[in-house]
Amino acid sequence: MKNPNDSFLRGRLRSVKYAFKGLWILVTTEDSVKVQLCVALIATILGFVFNISNTEWMLQFLAIGLVLTAEAANTAIEAIADFIHPEYHKKIGLIKDIGAGIPTFAALISLVIAGFIYIPKILLLF
């Protein structure tokens, strides 16, 4: 909540503190985020192994960020839905299913990007 006594700078610093708190909560409590971070680590290692270009690094990190952002959005949607209606409800289930589609889209796009980066490099090995 905004503190009316905060200066502009203090308010921004407080916002950054809350943002990092949210990031820490995601990384330490959400299994899907932990899995995606492991996949990101593997992709990063592969980037070094295959010596990808700067442009490929940018695309890879953009894809990683897209997936992690989508996982965070899905987590927030699920938390809000569970808070609003803790028991099973057909419409809440639909909302949560649609929310789960967000990281699915992102993951599929990231696989396409990974294919563009790594398939030509793997084919060169044969």
N, C-alpha and C. Protein backbone atom coordinates (compact mmCIF):
# COMPACT_ATOMS: atom_id res chain seq x y z
N MET A 1 0.84 -1.17 0.00
CA MET A 1 0.00 0.00 0.00
C MET A 1 0.88 1.23 0.00
N LYS A 2 0.45 2.24 -0.72
CA LYS A 2 1.22 3.47 -0.83
C LYS A 2 1.18 4.24 0.47
N ASN A 3 2.35 4.67 0.90
CA ASN A 3 2.47 5.48 2.10
C ASN A 3 2.48 6.95 1.66
N PRO A 4 1.49 7.75 2.09
CA PRO A 4 1.42 9.15 1.63
C PRO A 4 2.62 9.99 2.10
N ASN A 5 3.36 9.52 3.09
CA ASN A 5 4.51 10.27 3.58
C ASN A 5 5.79 9.98 2.81
N ASP A 6 5.75 8.99 1.91
CA ASP A 6 6.93 8.63 1.13
C ASP A 6 7.23 9.66 0.05
N SER A 7 8.50 9.93 -0.14
CA SER A 7 8.92 10.75 -1.28
C SER A 7 8.82 9.88 -2.54
N PHE A 8 8.97 10.50 -3.69
CA PHE A 8 8.92 9.75 -4.95
C PHE A 8 9.97 8.64 -4.95
N LEU A 9 11.21 8.98 -4.59
CA LEU A 9 12.30 8.01 -4.60
C LEU A 9 12.05 6.88 -3.60
N ARG A 10 11.63 7.23 -2.41
CA ARG A 10 11.36 6.22 -1.39
C ARG A 10 10.23 5.28 -1.85
N GLY A 11 9.21 5.84 -2.48
CA GLY A 11 8.12 5.02 -3.00
C GLY A 11 8.60 4.04 -4.06
N ARG A 12 9.51 4.50 -4.95
CA ARG A 12 10.05 3.61 -6.00
C ARG A 12 10.89 2.51 -5.37
N LEU A 13 11.71 2.87 -4.38
CA LEU A 13 12.53 1.86 -3.71
C LEU A 13 11.67 0.82 -3.00
N ARG A 14 10.58 1.28 -2.40
CA ARG A 14 9.66 0.36 -1.75
C ARG A 14 9.04 -0.59 -2.79
N SER A 15 8.69 -0.06 -3.96
CA SER A 15 8.12 -0.88 -5.03
C SER A 15 9.11 -1.95 -5.48
N VAL A 16 10.37 -1.56 -5.60
CA VAL A 16 11.40 -2.52 -6.00
C VAL A 16 11.54 -3.61 -4.94
N LYS A 17 11.48 -3.22 -3.69
CA LYS A 17 11.55 -4.19 -2.59
C LYS A 17 10.42 -5.21 -2.70
N TYR A 18 9.21 -4.75 -2.94
CA TYR A 18 8.07 -5.65 -3.07
C TYR A 18 8.20 -6.53 -4.32
N ALA A 19 8.75 -5.97 -5.39
CA ALA A 19 8.94 -6.76 -6.61
C ALA A 19 9.91 -7.90 -6.37
N PHE A 20 11.01 -7.63 -5.69
CA PHE A 20 11.97 -8.70 -5.39
C PHE A 20 11.40 -9.69 -4.38
N LYS A 21 10.56 -9.23 -3.47
CA LYS A 21 9.89 -10.14 -2.55
C LYS A 21 9.00 -11.11 -3.34
N GLY A 22 8.24 -10.59 -4.31
CA GLY A 22 7.40 -11.43 -5.14
C GLY A 22 8.22 -12.42 -5.96
N LEU A 23 9.34 -11.94 -6.49
CA LEU A 23 10.24 -12.82 -7.25
C LEU A 23 10.74 -13.95 -6.35
N TRP A 24 11.15 -13.63 -5.15
CA TRP A 24 11.66 -14.63 -4.21
C TRP A 24 10.56 -15.66 -3.88
N ILE A 25 9.36 -15.18 -3.66
CA ILE A 25 8.24 -16.09 -3.36
C ILE A 25 8.02 -17.04 -4.54
N LEU A 26 8.02 -16.52 -5.75
CA LEU A 26 7.85 -17.37 -6.93
C LEU A 26 8.94 -18.42 -7.03
N VAL A 27 10.19 -18.01 -6.87
CA VAL A 27 11.33 -18.91 -7.05
C VAL A 27 11.38 -19.96 -5.95
N THR A 28 10.97 -19.62 -4.76
CA THR A 28 11.10 -20.56 -3.64
C THR A 28 9.86 -21.41 -3.39
N THR A 29 8.71 -21.03 -3.94
CA THR A 29 7.49 -21.79 -3.61
C THR A 29 6.79 -22.43 -4.80
N GLU A 30 7.04 -21.96 -6.00
CA GLU A 30 6.30 -22.45 -7.16
C GLU A 30 7.10 -23.49 -7.94
N ASP A 31 6.60 -24.73 -7.93
CA ASP A 31 7.31 -25.81 -8.61
C ASP A 31 7.45 -25.55 -10.11
N SER A 32 6.42 -24.98 -10.73
CA SER A 32 6.50 -24.72 -12.17
C SER A 32 7.60 -23.72 -12.49
N VAL A 33 7.80 -22.74 -11.63
CA VAL A 33 8.87 -21.76 -11.84
C VAL A 33 10.23 -22.43 -11.64
N LYS A 34 10.33 -23.31 -10.64
CA LYS A 34 11.58 -24.04 -10.42
C LYS A 34 11.93 -24.89 -11.63
N VAL A 35 10.94 -25.56 -12.21
CA VAL A 35 11.17 -26.38 -13.40
C VAL A 35 11.65 -25.50 -14.55
N GLN A 36 10.98 -24.37 -14.76
CA GLN A 36 11.35 -23.48 -15.86
C GLN A 36 12.74 -22.89 -15.64
N LEU A 37 13.12 -22.64 -14.41
CA LEU A 37 14.47 -22.15 -14.14
C LEU A 37 15.52 -23.22 -14.46
N CYS A 38 15.19 -24.48 -14.19
CA CYS A 38 16.10 -25.58 -14.55
C CYS A 38 16.23 -25.68 -16.06
N VAL A 39 15.11 -25.56 -16.78
CA VAL A 39 15.15 -25.58 -18.24
C VAL A 39 15.97 -24.40 -18.75
N ALA A 40 15.82 -23.24 -18.13
CA ALA A 40 16.59 -22.06 -18.52
C ALA A 40 18.08 -22.28 -18.30
N LEU A 41 18.43 -22.94 -17.19
CA LEU A 41 19.84 -23.24 -16.93
C LEU A 41 20.40 -24.18 -17.99
N ILE A 42 19.62 -25.20 -18.35
CA ILE A 42 20.06 -26.13 -19.40
C ILE A 42 20.24 -25.40 -20.73
N ALA A 43 19.28 -24.53 -21.06
CA ALA A 43 19.38 -23.76 -22.31
C ALA A 43 20.61 -22.85 -22.28
N THR A 44 20.91 -22.28 -21.14
CA THR A 44 22.08 -21.41 -21.02
C THR A 44 23.36 -22.21 -21.20
N ILE A 45 23.42 -23.38 -20.59
CA ILE A 45 24.60 -24.25 -20.76
C ILE A 45 24.75 -24.64 -22.23
N LEU A 46 23.63 -25.00 -22.87
CA LEU A 46 23.68 -25.34 -24.30
C LEU A 46 24.15 -24.17 -25.13
N GLY A 47 23.77 -22.97 -24.74
CA GLY A 47 24.24 -21.78 -25.45
C GLY A 47 25.75 -21.67 -25.45
N PHE A 48 26.37 -21.99 -24.32
CA PHE A 48 27.83 -21.97 -24.25
C PHE A 48 28.44 -23.13 -25.03
N VAL A 49 27.82 -24.31 -24.91
CA VAL A 49 28.34 -25.49 -25.62
C VAL A 49 28.32 -25.26 -27.13
N PHE A 50 27.23 -24.70 -27.65
CA PHE A 50 27.10 -24.49 -29.09
C PHE A 50 27.58 -23.12 -29.55
N ASN A 51 28.10 -22.32 -28.63
CA ASN A 51 28.66 -21.01 -28.96
C ASN A 51 27.69 -20.18 -29.80
N ILE A 52 26.50 -19.96 -29.26
CA ILE A 52 25.48 -19.23 -30.02
C ILE A 52 25.86 -17.75 -30.13
N SER A 53 25.30 -17.11 -31.13
CA SER A 53 25.63 -15.70 -31.41
C SER A 53 24.94 -14.78 -30.40
N ASN A 54 25.35 -13.51 -30.42
CA ASN A 54 24.72 -12.52 -29.53
C ASN A 54 23.22 -12.42 -29.80
N THR A 55 22.83 -12.44 -31.06
CA THR A 55 21.41 -12.37 -31.41
C THR A 55 20.67 -13.59 -30.87
N GLU A 56 21.28 -14.75 -30.99
CA GLU A 56 20.66 -15.97 -30.47
C GLU A 56 20.56 -15.93 -28.95
N TRP A 57 21.58 -15.38 -28.29
CA TRP A 57 21.50 -15.20 -26.84
C TRP A 57 20.32 -14.30 -26.47
N MET A 58 20.17 -13.20 -27.21
CA MET A 58 19.06 -12.27 -26.92
C MET A 58 17.72 -12.97 -27.08
N LEU A 59 17.56 -13.70 -28.18
CA LEU A 59 16.31 -14.41 -28.41
C LEU A 59 16.06 -15.47 -27.35
N GLN A 60 17.11 -16.17 -26.97
CA GLN A 60 16.97 -17.21 -25.95
C GLN A 60 16.55 -16.61 -24.62
N PHE A 61 17.19 -15.54 -24.20
CA PHE A 61 16.83 -14.92 -22.93
C PHE A 61 15.46 -14.25 -22.98
N LEU A 62 15.09 -13.74 -24.14
CA LEU A 62 13.74 -13.21 -24.31
C LEU A 62 12.71 -14.32 -24.14
N ALA A 63 12.98 -15.49 -24.72
CA ALA A 63 12.08 -16.63 -24.58
C ALA A 63 12.01 -17.10 -23.13
N ILE A 64 13.15 -17.16 -22.47
CA ILE A 64 13.18 -17.56 -21.05
C ILE A 64 12.35 -16.57 -20.22
N GLY A 65 12.56 -15.30 -20.45
CA GLY A 65 11.81 -14.28 -19.73
C GLY A 65 10.32 -14.37 -20.00
N LEU A 66 9.96 -14.65 -21.26
CA LEU A 66 8.55 -14.80 -21.62
C LEU A 66 7.90 -15.94 -20.84
N VAL A 67 8.58 -17.07 -20.79
CA VAL A 67 8.02 -18.24 -20.09
C VAL A 67 7.91 -17.96 -18.59
N LEU A 68 8.95 -17.39 -17.99
CA LEU A 68 8.91 -17.11 -16.55
C LEU A 68 7.84 -16.07 -16.21
N THR A 69 7.70 -15.07 -17.06
CA THR A 69 6.66 -14.07 -16.85
C THR A 69 5.27 -14.70 -16.95
N ALA A 70 5.10 -15.58 -17.93
CA ALA A 70 3.82 -16.26 -18.09
C ALA A 70 3.52 -17.15 -16.89
N GLU A 71 4.53 -17.85 -16.38
CA GLU A 71 4.34 -18.68 -15.19
C GLU A 71 3.92 -17.82 -14.00
N ALA A 72 4.53 -16.64 -13.86
CA ALA A 72 4.18 -15.73 -12.76
C ALA A 72 2.75 -15.24 -12.91
N ALA A 73 2.35 -14.88 -14.13
CA ALA A 73 0.97 -14.43 -14.36
C ALA A 73 -0.02 -15.54 -14.03
N ASN A 74 0.28 -16.75 -14.45
CA ASN A 74 -0.60 -17.88 -14.14
C ASN A 74 -0.71 -18.11 -12.64
N THR A 75 0.40 -18.01 -11.95
CA THR A 75 0.40 -18.19 -10.49
C THR A 75 -0.48 -17.13 -9.83
N ALA A 76 -0.39 -15.89 -10.29
CA ALA A 76 -1.21 -14.81 -9.73
C ALA A 76 -2.69 -15.05 -10.01
N ILE A 77 -3.00 -15.47 -11.22
CA ILE A 77 -4.41 -15.76 -11.57
C ILE A 77 -4.96 -16.87 -10.69
N GLU A 78 -4.19 -17.94 -10.52
CA GLU A 78 -4.64 -19.04 -9.68
C GLU A 78 -4.83 -18.61 -8.23
N ALA A 79 -3.92 -17.79 -7.71
CA ALA A 79 -4.02 -17.33 -6.32
C ALA A 79 -5.27 -16.46 -6.13
N ILE A 80 -5.52 -15.57 -7.08
CA ILE A 80 -6.72 -14.73 -6.99
C ILE A 80 -7.98 -15.57 -7.08
N ALA A 81 -8.00 -16.52 -8.01
CA ALA A 81 -9.18 -17.37 -8.18
C ALA A 81 -9.44 -18.19 -6.92
N ASP A 82 -8.38 -18.75 -6.34
CA ASP A 82 -8.54 -19.53 -5.10
C ASP A 82 -9.00 -18.66 -3.94
N PHE A 83 -8.54 -17.42 -3.91
CA PHE A 83 -8.95 -16.51 -2.84
C PHE A 83 -10.42 -16.13 -2.97
N ILE A 84 -10.85 -15.87 -4.20
CA ILE A 84 -12.22 -15.45 -4.44
C ILE A 84 -13.20 -16.60 -4.19
N HIS A 85 -12.82 -17.79 -4.65
CA HIS A 85 -13.73 -18.93 -4.53
C HIS A 85 -12.93 -20.18 -4.20
N PRO A 86 -12.66 -20.43 -2.90
CA PRO A 86 -11.79 -21.55 -2.50
C PRO A 86 -12.34 -22.94 -2.88
N GLU A 87 -13.67 -23.09 -2.89
CA GLU A 87 -14.23 -24.38 -3.27
C GLU A 87 -14.26 -24.50 -4.79
N TYR A 88 -14.45 -25.75 -5.25
CA TYR A 88 -14.51 -25.95 -6.70
C TYR A 88 -15.73 -25.22 -7.27
N HIS A 89 -15.52 -24.54 -8.39
CA HIS A 89 -16.59 -23.88 -9.11
C HIS A 89 -16.25 -23.96 -10.59
N LYS A 90 -17.24 -24.28 -11.40
CA LYS A 90 -17.01 -24.49 -12.83
C LYS A 90 -16.36 -23.27 -13.49
N LYS A 91 -16.84 -22.07 -13.20
CA LYS A 91 -16.28 -20.86 -13.83
C LYS A 91 -14.86 -20.57 -13.34
N ILE A 92 -14.60 -20.81 -12.06
CA ILE A 92 -13.25 -20.62 -11.53
C ILE A 92 -12.31 -21.63 -12.20
N GLY A 93 -12.78 -22.86 -12.38
CA GLY A 93 -11.99 -23.87 -13.08
C GLY A 93 -11.66 -23.43 -14.50
N LEU A 94 -12.63 -22.84 -15.18
CA LEU A 94 -12.40 -22.34 -16.54
C LEU A 94 -11.36 -21.22 -16.53
N ILE A 95 -11.48 -20.31 -15.58
CA ILE A 95 -10.52 -19.20 -15.46
C ILE A 95 -9.11 -19.75 -15.22
N LYS A 96 -8.99 -20.74 -14.34
CA LYS A 96 -7.68 -21.32 -14.05
C LYS A 96 -7.13 -22.07 -15.25
N ASP A 97 -8.00 -22.75 -16.00
CA ASP A 97 -7.54 -23.44 -17.20
C ASP A 97 -7.04 -22.45 -18.24
N ILE A 98 -7.75 -21.36 -18.42
CA ILE A 98 -7.31 -20.33 -19.37
C ILE A 98 -5.97 -19.73 -18.89
N GLY A 99 -5.87 -19.50 -17.59
CA GLY A 99 -4.61 -18.99 -17.03
C GLY A 99 -3.46 -19.95 -17.28
N ALA A 100 -3.72 -21.24 -17.20
CA ALA A 100 -2.67 -22.24 -17.46
C ALA A 100 -2.26 -22.22 -18.93
N GLY A 101 -3.14 -21.74 -19.79
CA GLY A 101 -2.79 -21.63 -21.20
C GLY A 101 -1.73 -20.57 -21.47
N ILE A 102 -1.62 -19.59 -20.59
CA ILE A 102 -0.65 -18.51 -20.79
C ILE A 102 0.78 -19.06 -20.86
N PRO A 103 1.25 -19.80 -19.84
CA PRO A 103 2.61 -20.32 -19.94
C PRO A 103 2.75 -21.41 -21.01
N THR A 104 1.64 -22.07 -21.34
CA THR A 104 1.71 -23.07 -22.40
C THR A 104 2.03 -22.40 -23.73
N PHE A 105 1.34 -21.31 -24.05
CA PHE A 105 1.67 -20.54 -25.26
C PHE A 105 3.13 -20.13 -25.24
N ALA A 106 3.56 -19.57 -24.13
CA ALA A 106 4.94 -19.09 -24.02
C ALA A 106 5.94 -20.23 -24.20
N ALA A 107 5.66 -21.37 -23.60
CA ALA A 107 6.57 -22.51 -23.71
C ALA A 107 6.64 -23.02 -25.14
N LEU A 108 5.50 -23.07 -25.83
CA LEU A 108 5.50 -23.52 -27.22
C LEU A 108 6.31 -22.57 -28.10
N ILE A 109 6.13 -21.28 -27.91
CA ILE A 109 6.90 -20.31 -28.68
C ILE A 109 8.39 -20.44 -28.37
N SER A 110 8.71 -20.66 -27.10
CA SER A 110 10.13 -20.80 -26.74
C SER A 110 10.73 -22.06 -27.36
N LEU A 111 9.94 -23.11 -27.52
CA LEU A 111 10.44 -24.32 -28.20
C LEU A 111 10.71 -24.04 -29.67
N VAL A 112 9.87 -23.24 -30.30
CA VAL A 112 10.11 -22.86 -31.70
C VAL A 112 11.41 -22.06 -31.80
N ILE A 113 11.60 -21.12 -30.89
CA ILE A 113 12.83 -20.32 -30.89
C ILE A 113 14.04 -21.23 -30.66
N ALA A 114 13.94 -22.15 -29.71
CA ALA A 114 15.04 -23.10 -29.45
C ALA A 114 15.32 -23.94 -30.70
N GLY A 115 14.27 -24.33 -31.40
CA GLY A 115 14.46 -25.09 -32.64
C GLY A 115 15.24 -24.30 -33.67
N PHE A 116 14.88 -23.02 -33.85
CA PHE A 116 15.60 -22.18 -34.81
C PHE A 116 17.07 -22.02 -34.42
N ILE A 117 17.33 -21.97 -33.13
CA ILE A 117 18.71 -21.77 -32.67
C ILE A 117 19.51 -23.07 -32.75
N TYR A 118 18.94 -24.17 -32.23
CA TYR A 118 19.75 -25.37 -32.00
C TYR A 118 19.66 -26.45 -33.08
N ILE A 119 18.56 -26.56 -33.78
CA ILE A 119 18.47 -27.63 -34.79
C ILE A 119 19.56 -27.49 -35.86
N PRO A 120 19.80 -26.30 -36.42
CA PRO A 120 20.90 -26.21 -37.40
C PRO A 120 22.26 -26.58 -36.80
N LYS A 121 22.49 -26.23 -35.56
CA LYS A 121 23.77 -26.54 -34.91
C LYS A 121 23.91 -28.03 -34.66
N ILE A 122 22.81 -28.69 -34.29
CA ILE A 122 22.83 -30.14 -34.06
C ILE A 122 23.02 -30.87 -35.39
N LEU A 123 22.38 -30.39 -36.45
CA LEU A 123 22.52 -31.03 -37.77
C LEU A 123 23.96 -30.94 -38.28
N LEU A 124 24.66 -29.89 -37.91
CA LEU A 124 26.06 -29.75 -38.33
C LEU A 124 26.96 -30.82 -37.71
N LEU A 125 26.50 -31.39 -36.59
CA LEU A 125 27.29 -32.42 -35.92
C LEU A 125 27.27 -33.74 -36.69
N PHE A 126 26.28 -33.92 -37.56
CA PHE A 126 26.13 -35.19 -38.27
C PHE A 126 26.65 -35.12 -39.67
